[in-house]
Amino acid sequence: MNSINFSYNWNNKLNCNFFSTVRKPNSIYVAGETFFINMEIPKKLQVGNVTHETVFTAELLHIKTKPLSLFLPSDAYFDTGYTLQEFINIICKIYKIDFKNWQDFELSILYFKRTNPIKAQPVIKTVQ
C-alpha cells in the first residue's frame, strides 16, 4: 500500500472523513486505491530514521489534474483554508517554483475518504 505524507494538517483536513490534498501528478495516485495517511513526527520526538507515523488509511476517490492557473478560490480554501493568492504563494514555496512561471505548473487535487470514518460530534446540542 502506498503512503501520503503530511507535514502540516492544513485546514484541519485530517480530522475529517473526506478531505483533499494537492500534489504533483504521480502514477501511484489511482482512484480506488487505499493509502496510508502519515503525519510528520515533530523533530524532537523522532527516533532514528522514523520521520512519519501512520494515523489512518484512506481510499482515493477522485483525481483532478490541472495547471495552477485554473485553480479556483474554492480549491484553495477547501484544501488549505487560505485565499487563492496565499495558496499559490504556498505552492510556489513548497515546490520551489519560480513565481514568474507558476501558471503552467500542473498539480493534482486528490480527494480521499477515510476507510474507518470518525463519528461526527454534534456542533449544536439539541435541547430535549
N, C-alpha and C. Protein backbone atom coordinates (compact mmCIF):
# COMPACT_ATOMS: atom_id res chain seq x y z
N MET A 1 0.86 -1.18 0.00
CA MET A 1 0.00 0.00 0.00
C MET A 1 0.90 1.24 0.00
N ASN A 2 0.57 2.21 -0.84
CA ASN A 2 1.32 3.45 -0.90
C ASN A 2 0.96 4.37 0.26
N SER A 3 1.79 5.37 0.46
CA SER A 3 1.60 6.33 1.56
C SER A 3 1.52 7.75 1.03
N ILE A 4 0.82 8.59 1.78
CA ILE A 4 0.80 10.03 1.55
C ILE A 4 1.29 10.65 2.85
N ASN A 5 2.37 11.42 2.77
CA ASN A 5 2.94 12.06 3.96
C ASN A 5 2.47 13.50 4.08
N PHE A 6 2.13 13.88 5.29
CA PHE A 6 1.74 15.25 5.60
C PHE A 6 2.72 15.81 6.64
N SER A 7 3.16 17.03 6.41
CA SER A 7 3.99 17.71 7.40
C SER A 7 3.16 18.70 8.20
N TYR A 8 1.97 19.03 7.67
CA TYR A 8 1.10 20.01 8.31
C TYR A 8 -0.35 19.62 8.02
N ASN A 9 -1.21 19.78 8.99
CA ASN A 9 -2.62 19.44 8.84
C ASN A 9 -3.39 20.67 8.38
N TRP A 10 -3.18 21.06 7.09
CA TRP A 10 -3.83 22.24 6.52
C TRP A 10 -5.33 22.17 6.72
N ASN A 11 -5.92 23.24 7.18
CA ASN A 11 -7.37 23.38 7.30
C ASN A 11 -7.99 22.26 8.15
N ASN A 12 -7.18 21.64 9.01
CA ASN A 12 -7.61 20.52 9.86
C ASN A 12 -8.22 19.39 9.03
N LYS A 13 -7.77 19.23 7.80
CA LYS A 13 -8.34 18.25 6.88
C LYS A 13 -8.26 16.82 7.39
N LEU A 14 -7.20 16.50 8.15
CA LEU A 14 -7.03 15.13 8.61
C LEU A 14 -7.97 14.77 9.75
N ASN A 15 -8.74 15.74 10.21
CA ASN A 15 -9.75 15.48 11.24
C ASN A 15 -11.11 15.23 10.60
N CYS A 16 -11.16 15.11 9.29
CA CYS A 16 -12.42 14.94 8.55
C CYS A 16 -12.47 13.55 7.92
N ASN A 17 -13.69 13.09 7.63
CA ASN A 17 -13.86 11.81 6.94
C ASN A 17 -13.57 11.91 5.46
N PHE A 18 -13.77 13.07 4.88
CA PHE A 18 -13.48 13.34 3.47
C PHE A 18 -12.55 14.54 3.42
N PHE A 19 -11.48 14.45 2.62
CA PHE A 19 -10.52 15.54 2.56
C PHE A 19 -9.80 15.52 1.22
N SER A 20 -9.14 16.62 0.92
CA SER A 20 -8.34 16.70 -0.31
C SER A 20 -6.90 16.99 0.05
N THR A 21 -6.04 16.72 -0.89
CA THR A 21 -4.65 17.16 -0.80
C THR A 21 -4.19 17.48 -2.22
N VAL A 22 -3.34 18.46 -2.36
CA VAL A 22 -2.82 18.87 -3.66
C VAL A 22 -1.38 18.38 -3.75
N ARG A 23 -1.12 17.62 -4.81
CA ARG A 23 0.21 17.02 -5.01
C ARG A 23 0.61 17.12 -6.48
N LYS A 24 1.92 16.95 -6.74
CA LYS A 24 2.38 16.84 -8.12
C LYS A 24 1.82 15.54 -8.69
N PRO A 25 1.41 15.54 -9.97
CA PRO A 25 0.88 14.30 -10.57
C PRO A 25 1.89 13.15 -10.43
N ASN A 26 1.35 11.96 -10.16
CA ASN A 26 2.19 10.80 -9.96
C ASN A 26 1.37 9.56 -10.30
N SER A 27 1.98 8.58 -10.94
CA SER A 27 1.27 7.37 -11.35
C SER A 27 0.79 6.52 -10.17
N ILE A 28 1.30 6.75 -8.97
CA ILE A 28 0.82 5.97 -7.82
C ILE A 28 -0.59 6.37 -7.41
N TYR A 29 -1.03 7.55 -7.85
CA TYR A 29 -2.38 8.01 -7.49
C TYR A 29 -3.40 7.40 -8.45
N VAL A 30 -4.11 6.39 -7.95
CA VAL A 30 -5.10 5.68 -8.74
C VAL A 30 -6.40 5.65 -7.94
N ALA A 31 -7.48 6.15 -8.53
CA ALA A 31 -8.77 6.14 -7.85
C ALA A 31 -9.13 4.70 -7.49
N GLY A 32 -9.64 4.53 -6.27
CA GLY A 32 -10.00 3.21 -5.77
C GLY A 32 -8.92 2.58 -4.90
N GLU A 33 -7.69 3.07 -4.99
CA GLU A 33 -6.61 2.54 -4.16
C GLU A 33 -6.69 3.11 -2.75
N THR A 34 -6.20 2.33 -1.79
CA THR A 34 -6.15 2.76 -0.39
C THR A 34 -4.72 3.16 -0.05
N PHE A 35 -4.57 4.22 0.72
CA PHE A 35 -3.26 4.77 1.09
C PHE A 35 -3.12 4.86 2.60
N PHE A 36 -1.89 4.66 3.09
CA PHE A 36 -1.57 5.01 4.46
C PHE A 36 -1.47 6.53 4.51
N ILE A 37 -2.12 7.16 5.46
CA ILE A 37 -2.02 8.60 5.65
C ILE A 37 -1.08 8.82 6.84
N ASN A 38 0.07 9.43 6.56
CA ASN A 38 1.12 9.59 7.56
C ASN A 38 1.31 11.05 7.94
N MET A 39 1.54 11.27 9.22
CA MET A 39 1.79 12.63 9.72
C MET A 39 3.23 12.70 10.21
N GLU A 40 3.87 13.82 9.92
CA GLU A 40 5.25 14.02 10.34
C GLU A 40 5.34 14.04 11.86
N ILE A 41 6.34 13.36 12.38
CA ILE A 41 6.61 13.37 13.82
C ILE A 41 7.48 14.59 14.10
N PRO A 42 7.13 15.39 15.12
CA PRO A 42 7.98 16.55 15.45
C PRO A 42 9.44 16.10 15.64
N LYS A 43 10.37 16.89 15.12
CA LYS A 43 11.80 16.53 15.14
C LYS A 43 12.28 16.10 16.51
N LYS A 44 11.84 16.78 17.56
CA LYS A 44 12.33 16.45 18.91
C LYS A 44 11.82 15.09 19.41
N LEU A 45 10.80 14.54 18.74
CA LEU A 45 10.24 13.25 19.14
C LEU A 45 10.63 12.11 18.20
N GLN A 46 11.38 12.42 17.13
CA GLN A 46 11.78 11.40 16.18
C GLN A 46 12.84 10.48 16.79
N VAL A 47 12.71 9.19 16.48
CA VAL A 47 13.68 8.19 16.94
C VAL A 47 14.29 7.55 15.70
N GLY A 48 15.59 7.62 15.59
CA GLY A 48 16.27 7.05 14.43
C GLY A 48 15.86 7.74 13.15
N ASN A 49 15.58 6.95 12.11
CA ASN A 49 15.22 7.49 10.80
C ASN A 49 13.71 7.61 10.60
N VAL A 50 12.93 7.35 11.63
CA VAL A 50 11.47 7.39 11.52
C VAL A 50 11.02 8.85 11.62
N THR A 51 10.47 9.38 10.51
CA THR A 51 10.06 10.79 10.46
C THR A 51 8.55 10.97 10.42
N HIS A 52 7.80 9.91 10.05
CA HIS A 52 6.34 9.98 9.94
C HIS A 52 5.71 8.77 10.62
N GLU A 53 4.47 8.92 11.05
CA GLU A 53 3.73 7.78 11.58
C GLU A 53 2.37 7.71 10.89
N THR A 54 1.89 6.49 10.69
CA THR A 54 0.59 6.30 10.05
C THR A 54 -0.50 6.63 11.05
N VAL A 55 -1.43 7.50 10.65
CA VAL A 55 -2.52 7.89 11.53
C VAL A 55 -3.84 7.24 11.13
N PHE A 56 -4.00 6.91 9.85
CA PHE A 56 -5.17 6.17 9.37
C PHE A 56 -4.96 5.79 7.92
N THR A 57 -5.92 5.08 7.35
CA THR A 57 -5.89 4.76 5.93
C THR A 57 -7.08 5.44 5.26
N ALA A 58 -6.93 5.71 3.96
CA ALA A 58 -8.00 6.39 3.22
C ALA A 58 -8.00 5.91 1.78
N GLU A 59 -9.20 5.88 1.20
CA GLU A 59 -9.37 5.49 -0.19
C GLU A 59 -9.37 6.74 -1.07
N LEU A 60 -8.61 6.69 -2.14
CA LEU A 60 -8.58 7.79 -3.11
C LEU A 60 -9.83 7.67 -3.99
N LEU A 61 -10.72 8.66 -3.90
CA LEU A 61 -11.99 8.63 -4.61
C LEU A 61 -11.90 9.22 -6.02
N HIS A 62 -11.15 10.32 -6.14
CA HIS A 62 -11.16 11.07 -7.40
C HIS A 62 -9.87 11.88 -7.51
N ILE A 63 -9.43 12.08 -8.74
CA ILE A 63 -8.23 12.88 -9.02
C ILE A 63 -8.60 13.90 -10.08
N LYS A 64 -8.22 15.16 -9.82
CA LYS A 64 -8.44 16.22 -10.81
C LYS A 64 -7.09 16.91 -11.02
N THR A 65 -6.54 16.79 -12.24
CA THR A 65 -5.24 17.39 -12.55
C THR A 65 -5.46 18.59 -13.45
N LYS A 66 -4.80 19.69 -13.09
CA LYS A 66 -4.93 20.91 -13.89
C LYS A 66 -3.77 21.85 -13.57
N PRO A 67 -3.52 22.82 -14.47
CA PRO A 67 -2.46 23.81 -14.19
C PRO A 67 -2.90 24.72 -13.05
N LEU A 68 -1.94 25.20 -12.33
CA LEU A 68 -2.20 26.07 -11.18
C LEU A 68 -3.03 27.29 -11.57
N SER A 69 -2.90 27.76 -12.81
CA SER A 69 -3.66 28.93 -13.26
C SER A 69 -5.17 28.66 -13.31
N LEU A 70 -5.59 27.39 -13.32
CA LEU A 70 -7.01 27.05 -13.37
C LEU A 70 -7.60 26.68 -12.01
N PHE A 71 -6.79 26.80 -10.97
CA PHE A 71 -7.31 26.54 -9.62
C PHE A 71 -8.29 27.64 -9.25
N LEU A 72 -9.33 27.25 -8.57
CA LEU A 72 -10.38 28.18 -8.14
C LEU A 72 -10.18 28.57 -6.68
N PRO A 73 -10.74 29.70 -6.26
CA PRO A 73 -10.68 30.05 -4.84
C PRO A 73 -11.22 28.92 -3.96
N SER A 74 -12.26 28.23 -4.41
CA SER A 74 -12.82 27.13 -3.60
C SER A 74 -11.82 25.98 -3.45
N ASP A 75 -11.00 25.71 -4.47
CA ASP A 75 -9.96 24.68 -4.37
C ASP A 75 -8.98 25.04 -3.26
N ALA A 76 -8.56 26.30 -3.26
CA ALA A 76 -7.59 26.77 -2.27
C ALA A 76 -8.17 26.76 -0.87
N TYR A 77 -9.37 27.30 -0.71
CA TYR A 77 -9.99 27.35 0.62
C TYR A 77 -10.23 25.95 1.17
N PHE A 78 -10.77 25.05 0.34
CA PHE A 78 -11.09 23.72 0.81
C PHE A 78 -9.83 22.97 1.23
N ASP A 79 -8.76 23.11 0.45
CA ASP A 79 -7.55 22.34 0.74
C ASP A 79 -6.71 22.92 1.87
N THR A 80 -6.55 24.23 1.89
CA THR A 80 -5.63 24.84 2.87
C THR A 80 -6.28 25.78 3.86
N GLY A 81 -7.46 26.31 3.50
CA GLY A 81 -8.08 27.33 4.35
C GLY A 81 -7.59 28.72 4.03
N TYR A 82 -6.81 28.86 2.96
CA TYR A 82 -6.25 30.15 2.58
C TYR A 82 -6.85 30.65 1.27
N THR A 83 -6.68 31.94 1.01
CA THR A 83 -7.14 32.52 -0.26
C THR A 83 -6.35 31.91 -1.41
N LEU A 84 -6.85 32.10 -2.63
CA LEU A 84 -6.17 31.57 -3.80
C LEU A 84 -4.76 32.12 -3.92
N GLN A 85 -4.57 33.42 -3.71
CA GLN A 85 -3.23 34.01 -3.82
C GLN A 85 -2.29 33.45 -2.75
N GLU A 86 -2.79 33.30 -1.53
CA GLU A 86 -1.95 32.71 -0.46
C GLU A 86 -1.61 31.26 -0.81
N PHE A 87 -2.58 30.54 -1.34
CA PHE A 87 -2.38 29.15 -1.76
C PHE A 87 -1.28 29.08 -2.83
N ILE A 88 -1.35 29.94 -3.84
CA ILE A 88 -0.33 29.96 -4.90
C ILE A 88 1.05 30.25 -4.30
N ASN A 89 1.12 31.19 -3.38
CA ASN A 89 2.40 31.50 -2.72
C ASN A 89 2.94 30.28 -1.98
N ILE A 90 2.06 29.57 -1.28
CA ILE A 90 2.47 28.37 -0.53
C ILE A 90 2.98 27.30 -1.49
N ILE A 91 2.24 27.06 -2.57
CA ILE A 91 2.63 26.04 -3.56
C ILE A 91 3.98 26.39 -4.18
N CYS A 92 4.17 27.66 -4.53
CA CYS A 92 5.45 28.09 -5.11
C CYS A 92 6.60 27.84 -4.14
N LYS A 93 6.36 28.07 -2.87
CA LYS A 93 7.40 27.85 -1.86
C LYS A 93 7.67 26.35 -1.66
N ILE A 94 6.61 25.55 -1.52
CA ILE A 94 6.76 24.11 -1.30
C ILE A 94 7.49 23.45 -2.46
N TYR A 95 7.09 23.77 -3.69
CA TYR A 95 7.65 23.11 -4.87
C TYR A 95 8.78 23.89 -5.53
N LYS A 96 9.21 24.97 -4.88
CA LYS A 96 10.34 25.78 -5.37
C LYS A 96 10.12 26.21 -6.84
N ILE A 97 8.94 26.77 -7.08
CA ILE A 97 8.58 27.23 -8.41
C ILE A 97 8.96 28.70 -8.53
N ASP A 98 9.59 29.05 -9.65
CA ASP A 98 9.86 30.46 -9.94
C ASP A 98 8.51 31.16 -10.06
N PHE A 99 8.27 32.16 -9.24
CA PHE A 99 6.96 32.79 -9.17
C PHE A 99 6.52 33.36 -10.51
N LYS A 100 7.49 33.65 -11.40
CA LYS A 100 7.14 34.19 -12.73
C LYS A 100 6.52 33.12 -13.62
N ASN A 101 6.75 31.84 -13.32
CA ASN A 101 6.32 30.74 -14.20
C ASN A 101 5.32 29.79 -13.53
N TRP A 102 4.58 30.24 -12.56
CA TRP A 102 3.70 29.35 -11.81
C TRP A 102 2.45 28.91 -12.57
N GLN A 103 1.98 29.68 -13.56
CA GLN A 103 0.70 29.44 -14.22
C GLN A 103 0.57 28.04 -14.82
N ASP A 104 1.61 27.51 -15.45
CA ASP A 104 1.54 26.24 -16.15
C ASP A 104 1.93 25.03 -15.29
N PHE A 105 2.28 25.26 -14.03
CA PHE A 105 2.69 24.17 -13.15
C PHE A 105 1.48 23.28 -12.86
N GLU A 106 1.54 22.00 -13.25
CA GLU A 106 0.40 21.09 -13.09
C GLU A 106 0.40 20.46 -11.70
N LEU A 107 -0.79 20.38 -11.14
CA LEU A 107 -0.99 19.75 -9.84
C LEU A 107 -2.24 18.89 -9.89
N SER A 108 -2.27 17.90 -9.03
CA SER A 108 -3.44 17.04 -8.90
C SER A 108 -4.10 17.31 -7.57
N ILE A 109 -5.41 17.47 -7.61
CA ILE A 109 -6.20 17.52 -6.38
C ILE A 109 -6.68 16.10 -6.15
N LEU A 110 -6.30 15.52 -5.02
CA LEU A 110 -6.67 14.17 -4.67
C LEU A 110 -7.77 14.23 -3.62
N TYR A 111 -8.86 13.54 -3.87
CA TYR A 111 -10.00 13.52 -2.94
C TYR A 111 -10.06 12.16 -2.25
N PHE A 112 -10.01 12.17 -0.94
CA PHE A 112 -9.95 10.94 -0.14
C PHE A 112 -11.14 10.77 0.78
N LYS A 113 -11.39 9.50 1.12
CA LYS A 113 -12.39 9.13 2.12
C LYS A 113 -11.70 8.19 3.11
N ARG A 114 -11.81 8.48 4.40
CA ARG A 114 -11.25 7.58 5.42
C ARG A 114 -11.88 6.20 5.29
N THR A 115 -11.06 5.16 5.48
CA THR A 115 -11.60 3.81 5.43
C THR A 115 -12.35 3.47 6.73
N ASN A 116 -11.98 4.09 7.83
CA ASN A 116 -12.68 3.94 9.11
C ASN A 116 -13.12 5.32 9.55
N PRO A 117 -14.32 5.74 9.13
CA PRO A 117 -14.79 7.11 9.44
C PRO A 117 -14.85 7.37 10.94
N ILE A 118 -14.58 8.63 11.29
CA ILE A 118 -14.75 9.05 12.68
C ILE A 118 -16.19 9.48 12.86
N LYS A 119 -16.72 9.19 14.01
CA LYS A 119 -18.10 9.58 14.29
C LYS A 119 -18.17 11.08 14.51
N ALA A 120 -19.15 11.69 13.87
CA ALA A 120 -19.33 13.13 13.98
C ALA A 120 -19.86 13.49 15.38
N GLN A 121 -19.30 14.53 15.93
CA GLN A 121 -19.78 15.06 17.18
C GLN A 121 -20.73 16.20 16.86
N PRO A 122 -21.85 16.29 17.54
CA PRO A 122 -22.78 17.39 17.22
C PRO A 122 -22.16 18.74 17.51
N VAL A 123 -22.35 19.67 16.58
CA VAL A 123 -21.84 21.01 16.75
C VAL A 123 -22.76 21.78 17.71
N ILE A 124 -24.04 21.58 17.53
CA ILE A 124 -25.04 22.22 18.39
C ILE A 124 -25.86 21.10 19.02
N LYS A 125 -25.86 21.08 20.33
CA LYS A 125 -26.65 20.06 21.01
C LYS A 125 -28.10 20.51 21.07
N THR A 126 -28.97 19.57 20.80
CA THR A 126 -30.40 19.91 20.84
C THR A 126 -30.92 19.75 22.26
N VAL A 127 -31.87 20.57 22.61
CA VAL A 127 -32.49 20.51 23.93
C VAL A 127 -33.65 19.55 23.86
N GLN A 128 -33.71 18.63 24.82
CA GLN A 128 -34.79 17.64 24.82
C GLN A 128 -35.70 17.82 26.00
